Amino acid sequence: MIKNIHAICHIEFNSINLALDAIYRFQEMPHKYYADWIQVASEETTHFSLLKNYLGSIGYSYGDFDAHNGLWQMTVDTDYDVLSRMALVPRVLEARGLDVTPRIRKKFKDANLHKMVEILDIIFKDEIGHVKIGNYWYQYLCHKRDLDPIKTFDLLIKKHIGSNLRGPFNIEARLLSNFSQNELDYLEHPELLKTN
């Protein structure tokens, strides 16, 4: 369980840098874009601090264990275009957090790690907002470039991930983060897009 807590802490650390990179790297966006991602960076900093402090309270430190680099790798892979970044980081990787957090939360609850459950509840609520921000800017950019959002998303998934996204998907949380019903239908049945 400690390694799982450390892994979540590492994700939140990367998420701070990811939000700051989105601010610095893409210089031609409206003012609201920068305000949104400053908010995300601030909330990710709170998440990281909560987890780092919790690790300390149980005798561990951030950095005690190896951690994967998948979130940051996607940041690097999408550094060429803000639309690709908005499509794949908040709408794929962060949205995946919405899918898996309830199951992770249950494991911590079953292990009587109540403080960790409280932290996950804070993170989950904020992450709905972060994915919502990603959805807003993805839709904005598709509209501005006159692109079909679902077909563009499908092309980017194929380019950067190489296979369809796998469920199960947390439909309720994704709806709260402003995925449209058509997008959710695509996620659950991507093969149907080919026949349209």
N, C-alpha and C. Protein backbone atom coordinates (compact mmCIF):
# COMPACT_ATOMS: atom_id res chain seq x y z
N MET A 1 0.81 -1.20 0.00
CA MET A 1 0.00 0.00 0.00
C MET A 1 0.85 1.26 0.00
N ILE A 2 2.01 1.20 0.67
CA ILE A 2 2.88 2.38 0.74
C ILE A 2 3.37 2.76 -0.66
N LYS A 3 3.72 1.75 -1.45
CA LYS A 3 4.18 2.04 -2.81
C LYS A 3 3.07 2.66 -3.65
N ASN A 4 1.83 2.25 -3.41
CA ASN A 4 0.70 2.85 -4.13
C ASN A 4 0.53 4.32 -3.75
N ILE A 5 0.68 4.61 -2.47
CA ILE A 5 0.58 6.00 -2.01
C ILE A 5 1.69 6.82 -2.65
N HIS A 6 2.90 6.26 -2.68
CA HIS A 6 4.04 6.94 -3.29
C HIS A 6 3.80 7.18 -4.78
N ALA A 7 3.23 6.19 -5.46
CA ALA A 7 2.95 6.33 -6.90
C ALA A 7 1.95 7.45 -7.15
N ILE A 8 0.92 7.54 -6.32
CA ILE A 8 -0.06 8.62 -6.47
C ILE A 8 0.59 9.97 -6.20
N CYS A 9 1.45 10.02 -5.19
CA CYS A 9 2.19 11.25 -4.88
C CYS A 9 3.03 11.69 -6.08
N HIS A 10 3.67 10.72 -6.74
CA HIS A 10 4.49 11.02 -7.91
C HIS A 10 3.64 11.55 -9.07
N ILE A 11 2.47 10.98 -9.25
CA ILE A 11 1.55 11.46 -10.29
C ILE A 11 1.19 12.92 -10.03
N GLU A 12 0.90 13.24 -8.78
CA GLU A 12 0.53 14.61 -8.44
C GLU A 12 1.71 15.57 -8.64
N PHE A 13 2.91 15.12 -8.34
CA PHE A 13 4.11 15.94 -8.59
C PHE A 13 4.25 16.23 -10.08
N ASN A 14 4.12 15.18 -10.89
CA ASN A 14 4.20 15.38 -12.34
C ASN A 14 3.09 16.29 -12.84
N SER A 15 1.93 16.21 -12.22
CA SER A 15 0.79 17.01 -12.65
C SER A 15 1.01 18.50 -12.42
N ILE A 16 1.75 18.84 -11.38
CA ILE A 16 2.12 20.25 -11.16
C ILE A 16 2.93 20.74 -12.35
N ASN A 17 3.97 19.99 -12.69
CA ASN A 17 4.86 20.39 -13.78
C ASN A 17 4.14 20.37 -15.13
N LEU A 18 3.23 19.45 -15.28
CA LEU A 18 2.43 19.36 -16.51
C LEU A 18 1.60 20.63 -16.70
N ALA A 19 0.93 21.06 -15.63
CA ALA A 19 0.11 22.28 -15.73
C ALA A 19 0.98 23.50 -16.02
N LEU A 20 2.12 23.58 -15.36
CA LEU A 20 3.02 24.72 -15.60
C LEU A 20 3.58 24.69 -17.02
N ASP A 21 3.87 23.50 -17.52
CA ASP A 21 4.35 23.37 -18.90
C ASP A 21 3.28 23.82 -19.89
N ALA A 22 2.01 23.49 -19.61
CA ALA A 22 0.92 23.92 -20.50
C ALA A 22 0.81 25.44 -20.54
N ILE A 23 1.15 26.09 -19.43
CA ILE A 23 1.13 27.56 -19.38
C ILE A 23 2.30 28.13 -20.17
N TYR A 24 3.47 27.61 -19.94
CA TYR A 24 4.69 28.17 -20.53
C TYR A 24 4.80 27.86 -22.03
N ARG A 25 4.46 26.63 -22.40
CA ARG A 25 4.76 26.16 -23.76
C ARG A 25 3.87 26.78 -24.83
N PHE A 26 2.60 26.98 -24.51
CA PHE A 26 1.64 27.39 -25.53
C PHE A 26 1.27 28.85 -25.29
N GLN A 27 1.86 29.73 -26.08
CA GLN A 27 1.87 31.16 -25.79
C GLN A 27 0.76 31.95 -26.47
N GLU A 28 -0.03 31.34 -27.31
CA GLU A 28 -1.01 32.09 -28.11
C GLU A 28 -2.45 31.81 -27.71
N MET A 29 -2.67 31.44 -26.49
CA MET A 29 -4.03 31.10 -26.04
C MET A 29 -4.67 32.29 -25.33
N PRO A 30 -6.00 32.27 -25.19
CA PRO A 30 -6.68 33.36 -24.47
C PRO A 30 -6.26 33.41 -22.99
N HIS A 31 -6.50 34.56 -22.39
CA HIS A 31 -6.11 34.77 -20.98
C HIS A 31 -6.72 33.71 -20.07
N LYS A 32 -7.97 33.34 -20.33
CA LYS A 32 -8.66 32.35 -19.48
C LYS A 32 -7.91 31.01 -19.43
N TYR A 33 -7.29 30.64 -20.52
CA TYR A 33 -6.51 29.40 -20.57
C TYR A 33 -5.44 29.41 -19.48
N TYR A 34 -4.71 30.51 -19.37
CA TYR A 34 -3.62 30.59 -18.40
C TYR A 34 -4.16 30.62 -16.97
N ALA A 35 -5.27 31.32 -16.76
CA ALA A 35 -5.90 31.34 -15.44
C ALA A 35 -6.35 29.93 -15.04
N ASP A 36 -6.91 29.21 -16.00
CA ASP A 36 -7.37 27.84 -15.72
C ASP A 36 -6.21 26.94 -15.31
N TRP A 37 -5.10 27.00 -16.05
CA TRP A 37 -4.00 26.09 -15.76
C TRP A 37 -3.19 26.52 -14.55
N ILE A 38 -3.23 27.80 -14.20
CA ILE A 38 -2.66 28.22 -12.91
C ILE A 38 -3.48 27.62 -11.77
N GLN A 39 -4.79 27.64 -11.91
CA GLN A 39 -5.66 27.01 -10.91
C GLN A 39 -5.33 25.52 -10.77
N VAL A 40 -5.18 24.83 -11.92
CA VAL A 40 -4.85 23.40 -11.89
C VAL A 40 -3.51 23.18 -11.17
N ALA A 41 -2.50 23.97 -11.52
CA ALA A 41 -1.18 23.82 -10.88
C ALA A 41 -1.27 24.01 -9.38
N SER A 42 -2.06 25.00 -8.95
CA SER A 42 -2.23 25.26 -7.52
C SER A 42 -2.88 24.08 -6.81
N GLU A 43 -3.92 23.53 -7.42
CA GLU A 43 -4.62 22.39 -6.80
C GLU A 43 -3.75 21.14 -6.81
N GLU A 44 -2.98 20.93 -7.87
CA GLU A 44 -2.08 19.77 -7.90
C GLU A 44 -0.99 19.92 -6.82
N THR A 45 -0.56 21.15 -6.57
CA THR A 45 0.42 21.39 -5.51
C THR A 45 -0.16 21.01 -4.15
N THR A 46 -1.43 21.35 -3.94
CA THR A 46 -2.10 20.96 -2.69
C THR A 46 -2.16 19.45 -2.57
N HIS A 47 -2.52 18.76 -3.65
CA HIS A 47 -2.58 17.30 -3.62
C HIS A 47 -1.23 16.70 -3.28
N PHE A 48 -0.19 17.19 -3.95
CA PHE A 48 1.16 16.67 -3.70
C PHE A 48 1.55 16.89 -2.25
N SER A 49 1.28 18.06 -1.72
CA SER A 49 1.63 18.37 -0.33
C SER A 49 0.90 17.45 0.65
N LEU A 50 -0.39 17.23 0.40
CA LEU A 50 -1.15 16.33 1.27
C LEU A 50 -0.55 14.93 1.28
N LEU A 51 -0.21 14.43 0.10
CA LEU A 51 0.35 13.07 0.00
C LEU A 51 1.76 12.99 0.57
N LYS A 52 2.58 13.99 0.28
CA LYS A 52 3.94 14.02 0.80
C LYS A 52 3.92 14.07 2.33
N ASN A 53 3.05 14.89 2.88
CA ASN A 53 2.94 14.99 4.34
C ASN A 53 2.40 13.70 4.95
N TYR A 54 1.46 13.07 4.24
CA TYR A 54 0.93 11.80 4.74
C TYR A 54 2.01 10.72 4.74
N LEU A 55 2.79 10.66 3.67
CA LEU A 55 3.91 9.72 3.65
C LEU A 55 4.84 9.97 4.83
N GLY A 56 5.14 11.24 5.09
CA GLY A 56 6.00 11.57 6.22
C GLY A 56 5.41 11.13 7.54
N SER A 57 4.09 11.24 7.68
CA SER A 57 3.45 10.88 8.95
C SER A 57 3.49 9.38 9.23
N ILE A 58 3.72 8.58 8.17
CA ILE A 58 3.80 7.12 8.37
C ILE A 58 5.23 6.60 8.15
N GLY A 59 6.19 7.54 8.17
CA GLY A 59 7.59 7.14 8.19
C GLY A 59 8.29 7.01 6.85
N TYR A 60 7.72 7.58 5.80
CA TYR A 60 8.32 7.49 4.48
C TYR A 60 8.47 8.89 3.89
N SER A 61 9.22 8.98 2.79
CA SER A 61 9.40 10.26 2.10
C SER A 61 9.16 10.07 0.62
N TYR A 62 8.71 11.15 -0.03
CA TYR A 62 8.62 11.12 -1.49
C TYR A 62 10.03 10.93 -2.04
N GLY A 63 10.19 9.97 -2.93
CA GLY A 63 11.51 9.63 -3.47
C GLY A 63 12.06 8.34 -2.92
N ASP A 64 11.38 7.75 -1.93
CA ASP A 64 11.85 6.48 -1.35
C ASP A 64 11.72 5.30 -2.32
N PHE A 65 10.83 5.42 -3.31
CA PHE A 65 10.58 4.32 -4.24
C PHE A 65 10.69 4.82 -5.68
N ASP A 66 10.99 3.89 -6.58
CA ASP A 66 10.97 4.22 -8.01
C ASP A 66 9.54 4.53 -8.42
N ALA A 67 9.41 5.32 -9.48
CA ALA A 67 8.07 5.67 -9.97
C ALA A 67 8.09 5.74 -11.49
N HIS A 68 6.94 5.46 -12.10
CA HIS A 68 6.85 5.47 -13.57
C HIS A 68 6.78 6.90 -14.09
N ASN A 69 7.01 7.03 -15.38
CA ASN A 69 7.11 8.36 -15.99
C ASN A 69 6.09 8.57 -17.10
N GLY A 70 5.02 7.79 -17.11
CA GLY A 70 4.07 7.82 -18.22
C GLY A 70 3.40 9.17 -18.43
N LEU A 71 3.02 9.81 -17.33
CA LEU A 71 2.34 11.10 -17.45
C LEU A 71 3.26 12.14 -18.08
N TRP A 72 4.49 12.20 -17.62
CA TRP A 72 5.42 13.18 -18.17
C TRP A 72 5.80 12.84 -19.61
N GLN A 73 5.88 11.56 -19.93
CA GLN A 73 6.21 11.18 -21.30
C GLN A 73 5.16 11.67 -22.28
N MET A 74 3.89 11.60 -21.89
CA MET A 74 2.84 12.12 -22.76
C MET A 74 2.93 13.64 -22.88
N THR A 75 3.40 14.30 -21.84
CA THR A 75 3.62 15.75 -21.91
C THR A 75 4.67 16.06 -22.97
N VAL A 76 5.74 15.29 -22.98
CA VAL A 76 6.80 15.47 -23.98
C VAL A 76 6.27 15.16 -25.38
N ASP A 77 5.51 14.08 -25.49
CA ASP A 77 5.01 13.64 -26.79
C ASP A 77 4.02 14.62 -27.41
N THR A 78 3.39 15.44 -26.59
CA THR A 78 2.39 16.39 -27.10
C THR A 78 2.87 17.84 -27.05
N ASP A 79 4.17 18.03 -26.98
CA ASP A 79 4.69 19.40 -26.86
C ASP A 79 4.61 20.19 -28.17
N TYR A 80 4.21 19.54 -29.25
CA TYR A 80 4.18 20.19 -30.55
C TYR A 80 2.88 20.95 -30.83
N ASP A 81 1.82 20.69 -30.01
CA ASP A 81 0.53 21.30 -30.34
C ASP A 81 -0.38 21.31 -29.12
N VAL A 82 -0.94 22.45 -28.82
CA VAL A 82 -1.81 22.59 -27.65
C VAL A 82 -3.06 21.72 -27.78
N LEU A 83 -3.58 21.54 -28.99
CA LEU A 83 -4.76 20.70 -29.15
C LEU A 83 -4.44 19.25 -28.77
N SER A 84 -3.30 18.75 -29.22
CA SER A 84 -2.90 17.39 -28.85
C SER A 84 -2.73 17.25 -27.35
N ARG A 85 -2.14 18.28 -26.73
CA ARG A 85 -1.96 18.25 -25.28
C ARG A 85 -3.30 18.20 -24.57
N MET A 86 -4.23 19.07 -24.96
CA MET A 86 -5.54 19.09 -24.31
C MET A 86 -6.31 17.79 -24.56
N ALA A 87 -6.13 17.21 -25.74
CA ALA A 87 -6.83 15.96 -26.06
C ALA A 87 -6.35 14.81 -25.19
N LEU A 88 -5.04 14.72 -24.99
CA LEU A 88 -4.48 13.47 -24.47
C LEU A 88 -4.08 13.51 -23.00
N VAL A 89 -3.69 14.66 -22.48
CA VAL A 89 -3.28 14.65 -21.07
C VAL A 89 -4.49 14.74 -20.15
N PRO A 90 -5.28 15.81 -20.19
CA PRO A 90 -6.43 15.81 -19.29
C PRO A 90 -7.52 14.82 -19.67
N ARG A 91 -7.76 14.64 -20.98
CA ARG A 91 -8.91 13.84 -21.43
C ARG A 91 -8.63 12.34 -21.48
N VAL A 92 -7.34 11.96 -21.44
CA VAL A 92 -7.00 10.54 -21.42
C VAL A 92 -6.38 10.17 -20.07
N LEU A 93 -5.22 10.75 -19.77
CA LEU A 93 -4.50 10.31 -18.58
C LEU A 93 -5.17 10.76 -17.29
N GLU A 94 -5.54 12.03 -17.20
CA GLU A 94 -6.21 12.49 -15.99
C GLU A 94 -7.62 11.89 -15.88
N ALA A 95 -8.30 11.76 -17.00
CA ALA A 95 -9.63 11.15 -16.98
C ALA A 95 -9.55 9.69 -16.54
N ARG A 96 -8.45 9.04 -16.85
CA ARG A 96 -8.27 7.65 -16.37
C ARG A 96 -8.26 7.61 -14.85
N GLY A 97 -7.72 8.67 -14.24
CA GLY A 97 -7.76 8.77 -12.79
C GLY A 97 -9.19 8.78 -12.26
N LEU A 98 -10.10 9.41 -13.00
CA LEU A 98 -11.50 9.40 -12.60
C LEU A 98 -12.08 7.98 -12.66
N ASP A 99 -11.60 7.19 -13.62
CA ASP A 99 -12.09 5.83 -13.78
C ASP A 99 -11.62 4.91 -12.64
N VAL A 100 -10.37 5.07 -12.23
CA VAL A 100 -9.78 4.10 -11.29
C VAL A 100 -9.85 4.53 -9.82
N THR A 101 -10.03 5.82 -9.54
CA THR A 101 -9.98 6.28 -8.15
C THR A 101 -11.01 5.62 -7.25
N PRO A 102 -12.27 5.43 -7.67
CA PRO A 102 -13.21 4.77 -6.75
C PRO A 102 -12.74 3.39 -6.30
N ARG A 103 -12.15 2.63 -7.21
CA ARG A 103 -11.65 1.29 -6.86
C ARG A 103 -10.45 1.39 -5.91
N ILE A 104 -9.55 2.35 -6.19
CA ILE A 104 -8.39 2.56 -5.31
C ILE A 104 -8.85 3.02 -3.92
N ARG A 105 -9.82 3.92 -3.93
CA ARG A 105 -10.36 4.43 -2.66
C ARG A 105 -10.90 3.29 -1.80
N LYS A 106 -11.61 2.35 -2.42
CA LYS A 106 -12.17 1.21 -1.69
C LYS A 106 -11.07 0.38 -1.04
N LYS A 107 -9.96 0.18 -1.75
CA LYS A 107 -8.85 -0.59 -1.18
C LYS A 107 -8.28 0.09 0.05
N PHE A 108 -8.12 1.41 -0.01
CA PHE A 108 -7.61 2.12 1.15
C PHE A 108 -8.62 2.10 2.30
N LYS A 109 -9.89 2.21 1.96
CA LYS A 109 -10.93 2.16 3.00
C LYS A 109 -10.94 0.79 3.67
N ASP A 110 -10.84 -0.28 2.87
CA ASP A 110 -10.82 -1.63 3.41
C ASP A 110 -9.60 -1.87 4.30
N ALA A 111 -8.51 -1.15 4.01
CA ALA A 111 -7.28 -1.27 4.81
C ALA A 111 -7.27 -0.31 6.01
N ASN A 112 -8.41 0.37 6.23
CA ASN A 112 -8.54 1.33 7.34
C ASN A 112 -7.56 2.49 7.27
N LEU A 113 -7.17 2.86 6.05
CA LEU A 113 -6.30 4.04 5.85
C LEU A 113 -7.20 5.24 5.57
N HIS A 114 -7.88 5.69 6.62
CA HIS A 114 -8.94 6.69 6.46
C HIS A 114 -8.41 8.05 5.99
N LYS A 115 -7.23 8.42 6.43
CA LYS A 115 -6.64 9.70 6.00
C LYS A 115 -6.40 9.68 4.49
N MET A 116 -5.95 8.54 3.98
CA MET A 116 -5.72 8.41 2.55
C MET A 116 -7.04 8.50 1.78
N VAL A 117 -8.11 7.94 2.33
CA VAL A 117 -9.42 8.04 1.71
C VAL A 117 -9.84 9.51 1.62
N GLU A 118 -9.61 10.26 2.69
CA GLU A 118 -9.95 11.69 2.70
C GLU A 118 -9.17 12.45 1.63
N ILE A 119 -7.89 12.13 1.50
CA ILE A 119 -7.05 12.80 0.49
C ILE A 119 -7.55 12.46 -0.91
N LEU A 120 -7.87 11.19 -1.15
CA LEU A 120 -8.37 10.78 -2.47
C LEU A 120 -9.69 11.47 -2.80
N ASP A 121 -10.52 11.70 -1.81
CA ASP A 121 -11.79 12.40 -2.05
C ASP A 121 -11.54 13.83 -2.52
N ILE A 122 -10.55 14.49 -1.92
CA ILE A 122 -10.18 15.85 -2.34
C ILE A 122 -9.65 15.82 -3.78
N ILE A 123 -8.74 14.88 -4.04
CA ILE A 123 -8.14 14.78 -5.37
C ILE A 123 -9.22 14.49 -6.42
N PHE A 124 -10.10 13.55 -6.13
CA PHE A 124 -11.13 13.15 -7.10
C PHE A 124 -12.02 14.34 -7.48
N LYS A 125 -12.46 15.08 -6.47
CA LYS A 125 -13.31 16.25 -6.73
C LYS A 125 -12.58 17.27 -7.61
N ASP A 126 -11.33 17.56 -7.28
CA ASP A 126 -10.55 18.54 -8.06
C ASP A 126 -10.26 18.02 -9.46
N GLU A 127 -10.00 16.73 -9.59
CA GLU A 127 -9.65 16.18 -10.90
C GLU A 127 -10.83 16.24 -11.86
N ILE A 128 -12.04 16.14 -11.36
CA ILE A 128 -13.21 16.35 -12.23
C ILE A 128 -13.11 17.74 -12.86
N GLY A 129 -12.75 18.73 -12.05
CA GLY A 129 -12.58 20.08 -12.56
C GLY A 129 -11.44 20.20 -13.55
N HIS A 130 -10.35 19.47 -13.31
CA HIS A 130 -9.20 19.55 -14.22
C HIS A 130 -9.54 18.94 -15.58
N VAL A 131 -10.21 17.81 -15.56
CA VAL A 131 -10.62 17.19 -16.82
C VAL A 131 -11.63 18.09 -17.54
N LYS A 132 -12.49 18.73 -16.78
CA LYS A 132 -13.46 19.67 -17.35
C LYS A 132 -12.75 20.81 -18.06
N ILE A 133 -11.68 21.33 -17.46
CA ILE A 133 -10.88 22.38 -18.08
C ILE A 133 -10.26 21.86 -19.38
N GLY A 134 -9.70 20.65 -19.34
CA GLY A 134 -9.13 20.06 -20.55
C GLY A 134 -10.18 19.89 -21.64
N ASN A 135 -11.37 19.46 -21.26
CA ASN A 135 -12.46 19.31 -22.22
C ASN A 135 -12.84 20.65 -22.84
N TYR A 136 -12.93 21.67 -22.00
CA TYR A 136 -13.30 23.00 -22.49
C TYR A 136 -12.32 23.46 -23.57
N TRP A 137 -11.02 23.36 -23.27
CA TRP A 137 -10.03 23.88 -24.21
C TRP A 137 -9.88 22.98 -25.43
N TYR A 138 -10.09 21.69 -25.28
CA TYR A 138 -10.09 20.81 -26.44
C TYR A 138 -11.22 21.18 -27.40
N GLN A 139 -12.42 21.34 -26.85
CA GLN A 139 -13.56 21.71 -27.68
C GLN A 139 -13.36 23.09 -28.31
N TYR A 140 -12.82 24.01 -27.55
CA TYR A 140 -12.53 25.36 -28.07
C TYR A 140 -11.60 25.28 -29.28
N LEU A 141 -10.54 24.49 -29.16
CA LEU A 141 -9.54 24.40 -30.23
C LEU A 141 -10.10 23.67 -31.45
N CYS A 142 -10.89 22.62 -31.21
CA CYS A 142 -11.52 21.93 -32.35
C CYS A 142 -12.45 22.88 -33.10
N HIS A 143 -13.23 23.65 -32.35
CA HIS A 143 -14.14 24.61 -32.98
C HIS A 143 -13.36 25.66 -33.77
N LYS A 144 -12.30 26.17 -33.15
CA LYS A 144 -11.50 27.21 -33.80
C LYS A 144 -10.85 26.70 -35.08
N ARG A 145 -10.46 25.43 -35.10
CA ARG A 145 -9.79 24.85 -36.27
C ARG A 145 -10.76 24.13 -37.20
N ASP A 146 -12.04 24.17 -36.87
CA ASP A 146 -13.07 23.53 -37.68
C ASP A 146 -12.81 22.03 -37.82
N LEU A 147 -12.54 21.38 -36.69
CA LEU A 147 -12.27 19.95 -36.65
C LEU A 147 -13.39 19.23 -35.92
N ASP A 148 -13.70 18.03 -36.36
CA ASP A 148 -14.66 17.20 -35.65
C ASP A 148 -13.98 16.67 -34.38
N PRO A 149 -14.52 16.95 -33.20
CA PRO A 149 -13.84 16.57 -31.95
C PRO A 149 -13.64 15.07 -31.77
N ILE A 150 -14.62 14.27 -32.15
CA ILE A 150 -14.49 12.83 -31.92
C ILE A 150 -13.53 12.20 -32.92
N LYS A 151 -13.64 12.57 -34.18
CA LYS A 151 -12.72 12.01 -35.19
C LYS A 151 -11.29 12.46 -34.92
N THR A 152 -11.12 13.71 -34.51
CA THR A 152 -9.77 14.21 -34.18
C THR A 152 -9.20 13.47 -32.98
N PHE A 153 -10.03 13.26 -31.96
CA PHE A 153 -9.61 12.51 -30.78
C PHE A 153 -9.19 11.09 -31.16
N ASP A 154 -9.98 10.46 -32.00
CA ASP A 154 -9.67 9.10 -32.45
C ASP A 154 -8.32 9.06 -33.17
N LEU A 155 -8.09 10.03 -34.04
CA LEU A 155 -6.80 10.08 -34.77
C LEU A 155 -5.63 10.27 -33.79
N LEU A 156 -5.81 11.11 -32.79
CA LEU A 156 -4.74 11.36 -31.82
C LEU A 156 -4.50 10.14 -30.93
N ILE A 157 -5.56 9.43 -30.58
CA ILE A 157 -5.41 8.19 -29.81
C ILE A 157 -4.60 7.18 -30.62
N LYS A 158 -4.93 7.04 -31.88
CA LYS A 158 -4.21 6.09 -32.73
C LYS A 158 -2.74 6.49 -32.90
N LYS A 159 -2.49 7.79 -33.06
CA LYS A 159 -1.13 8.28 -33.26
C LYS A 159 -0.27 8.10 -32.02
N HIS A 160 -0.81 8.44 -30.85
CA HIS A 160 0.02 8.49 -29.65
C HIS A 160 -0.09 7.27 -28.75
N ILE A 161 -1.22 6.57 -28.81
CA ILE A 161 -1.41 5.42 -27.93
C ILE A 161 -1.40 4.12 -28.72
N GLY A 162 -1.92 4.17 -29.92
CA GLY A 162 -1.83 3.03 -30.82
C GLY A 162 -2.94 2.00 -30.68
N SER A 163 -3.78 2.16 -29.67
CA SER A 163 -4.91 1.25 -29.50
C SER A 163 -6.05 2.01 -28.84
N ASN A 164 -7.24 1.45 -28.94
CA ASN A 164 -8.39 2.10 -28.32
C ASN A 164 -8.24 2.16 -26.81
N LEU A 165 -8.83 3.17 -26.20
CA LEU A 165 -8.81 3.27 -24.74
C LEU A 165 -9.66 2.15 -24.16
N ARG A 166 -9.20 1.63 -23.03
CA ARG A 166 -9.90 0.50 -22.42
C ARG A 166 -10.67 0.96 -21.19
N GLY A 167 -11.87 0.44 -21.03
CA GLY A 167 -12.67 0.72 -19.85
C GLY A 167 -12.25 -0.19 -18.70
N PRO A 168 -13.05 -0.23 -17.66
CA PRO A 168 -14.32 0.47 -17.58
C PRO A 168 -14.14 1.97 -17.37
N PHE A 169 -15.11 2.74 -17.84
CA PHE A 169 -15.08 4.19 -17.72
C PHE A 169 -16.07 4.63 -16.64
N ASN A 170 -15.66 5.62 -15.88
CA ASN A 170 -16.55 6.18 -14.85
C ASN A 170 -17.45 7.21 -15.54
N ILE A 171 -18.58 6.73 -16.03
CA ILE A 171 -19.47 7.56 -16.84
C ILE A 171 -19.95 8.77 -16.06
N GLU A 172 -20.34 8.57 -14.81
CA GLU A 172 -20.85 9.68 -14.00
C GLU A 172 -19.81 10.79 -13.87
N ALA A 173 -18.57 10.42 -13.52
CA ALA A 173 -17.52 11.42 -13.35
C ALA A 173 -17.16 12.08 -14.67
N ARG A 174 -17.16 11.32 -15.73
CA ARG A 174 -16.84 11.89 -17.05
C ARG A 174 -17.93 12.85 -17.51
N LEU A 175 -19.18 12.55 -17.21
CA LEU A 175 -20.26 13.49 -17.54
C LEU A 175 -20.09 14.79 -16.74
N LEU A 176 -19.72 14.65 -15.46
CA LEU A 176 -19.50 15.84 -14.63
C LEU A 176 -18.34 16.69 -15.15
N SER A 177 -17.40 16.04 -15.82
CA SER A 177 -16.25 16.77 -16.38
C SER A 177 -16.50 17.20 -17.83
N ASN A 178 -17.75 17.11 -18.26
CA ASN A 178 -18.21 17.62 -19.56
C ASN A 178 -17.78 16.81 -20.77
N PHE A 179 -17.59 15.51 -20.61
CA PHE A 179 -17.59 14.65 -21.79
C PHE A 179 -19.02 14.59 -22.29
N SER A 180 -19.19 14.72 -23.59
CA SER A 180 -20.54 14.62 -24.16
C SER A 180 -20.96 13.15 -24.23
N GLN A 181 -22.25 12.93 -24.38
CA GLN A 181 -22.74 11.55 -24.52
C GLN A 181 -22.16 10.91 -25.78
N ASN A 182 -22.01 11.68 -26.85
CA ASN A 182 -21.41 11.14 -28.08
C ASN A 182 -19.96 10.70 -27.84
N GLU A 183 -19.22 11.47 -27.05
CA GLU A 183 -17.85 11.08 -26.74
C GLU A 183 -17.81 9.81 -25.90
N LEU A 184 -18.73 9.70 -24.95
CA LEU A 184 -18.78 8.50 -24.12
C LEU A 184 -19.18 7.28 -24.96
N ASP A 185 -20.09 7.48 -25.89
CA ASP A 185 -20.45 6.39 -26.80
C ASP A 185 -19.24 5.96 -27.62
N TYR A 186 -18.45 6.93 -28.07
CA TYR A 186 -17.23 6.61 -28.82
C TYR A 186 -16.25 5.80 -27.96
N LEU A 187 -16.05 6.23 -26.70
CA LEU A 187 -15.12 5.53 -25.82
C LEU A 187 -15.52 4.07 -25.65
N GLU A 188 -16.81 3.84 -25.49
CA GLU A 188 -17.27 2.48 -25.24
C GLU A 188 -17.38 1.64 -26.52
N HIS A 189 -17.55 2.32 -27.67
CA HIS A 189 -17.68 1.60 -28.95
C HIS A 189 -16.91 2.32 -30.05
N PRO A 190 -15.58 2.40 -29.94
CA PRO A 190 -14.81 3.16 -30.94
C PRO A 190 -14.90 2.58 -32.33
N GLU A 191 -15.20 1.28 -32.42
CA GLU A 191 -15.29 0.65 -33.74
C GLU A 191 -16.43 1.22 -34.57
N LEU A 192 -17.43 1.78 -33.92
CA LEU A 192 -18.58 2.32 -34.64
C LEU A 192 -18.22 3.60 -35.41
N LEU A 193 -17.18 4.27 -34.98
CA LEU A 193 -16.77 5.50 -35.66
C LEU A 193 -16.38 5.23 -37.11
N LYS A 194 -15.81 4.07 -37.36
CA LYS A 194 -15.33 3.74 -38.69
C LYS A 194 -16.48 3.62 -39.69
N THR A 195 -17.66 3.30 -39.21
CA THR A 195 -18.79 3.09 -40.12
C THR A 195 -19.53 4.40 -40.41
N ASN A 196 -19.18 5.47 -39.69
CA ASN A 196 -19.86 6.76 -39.90
C ASN A 196 -19.31 7.48 -41.11
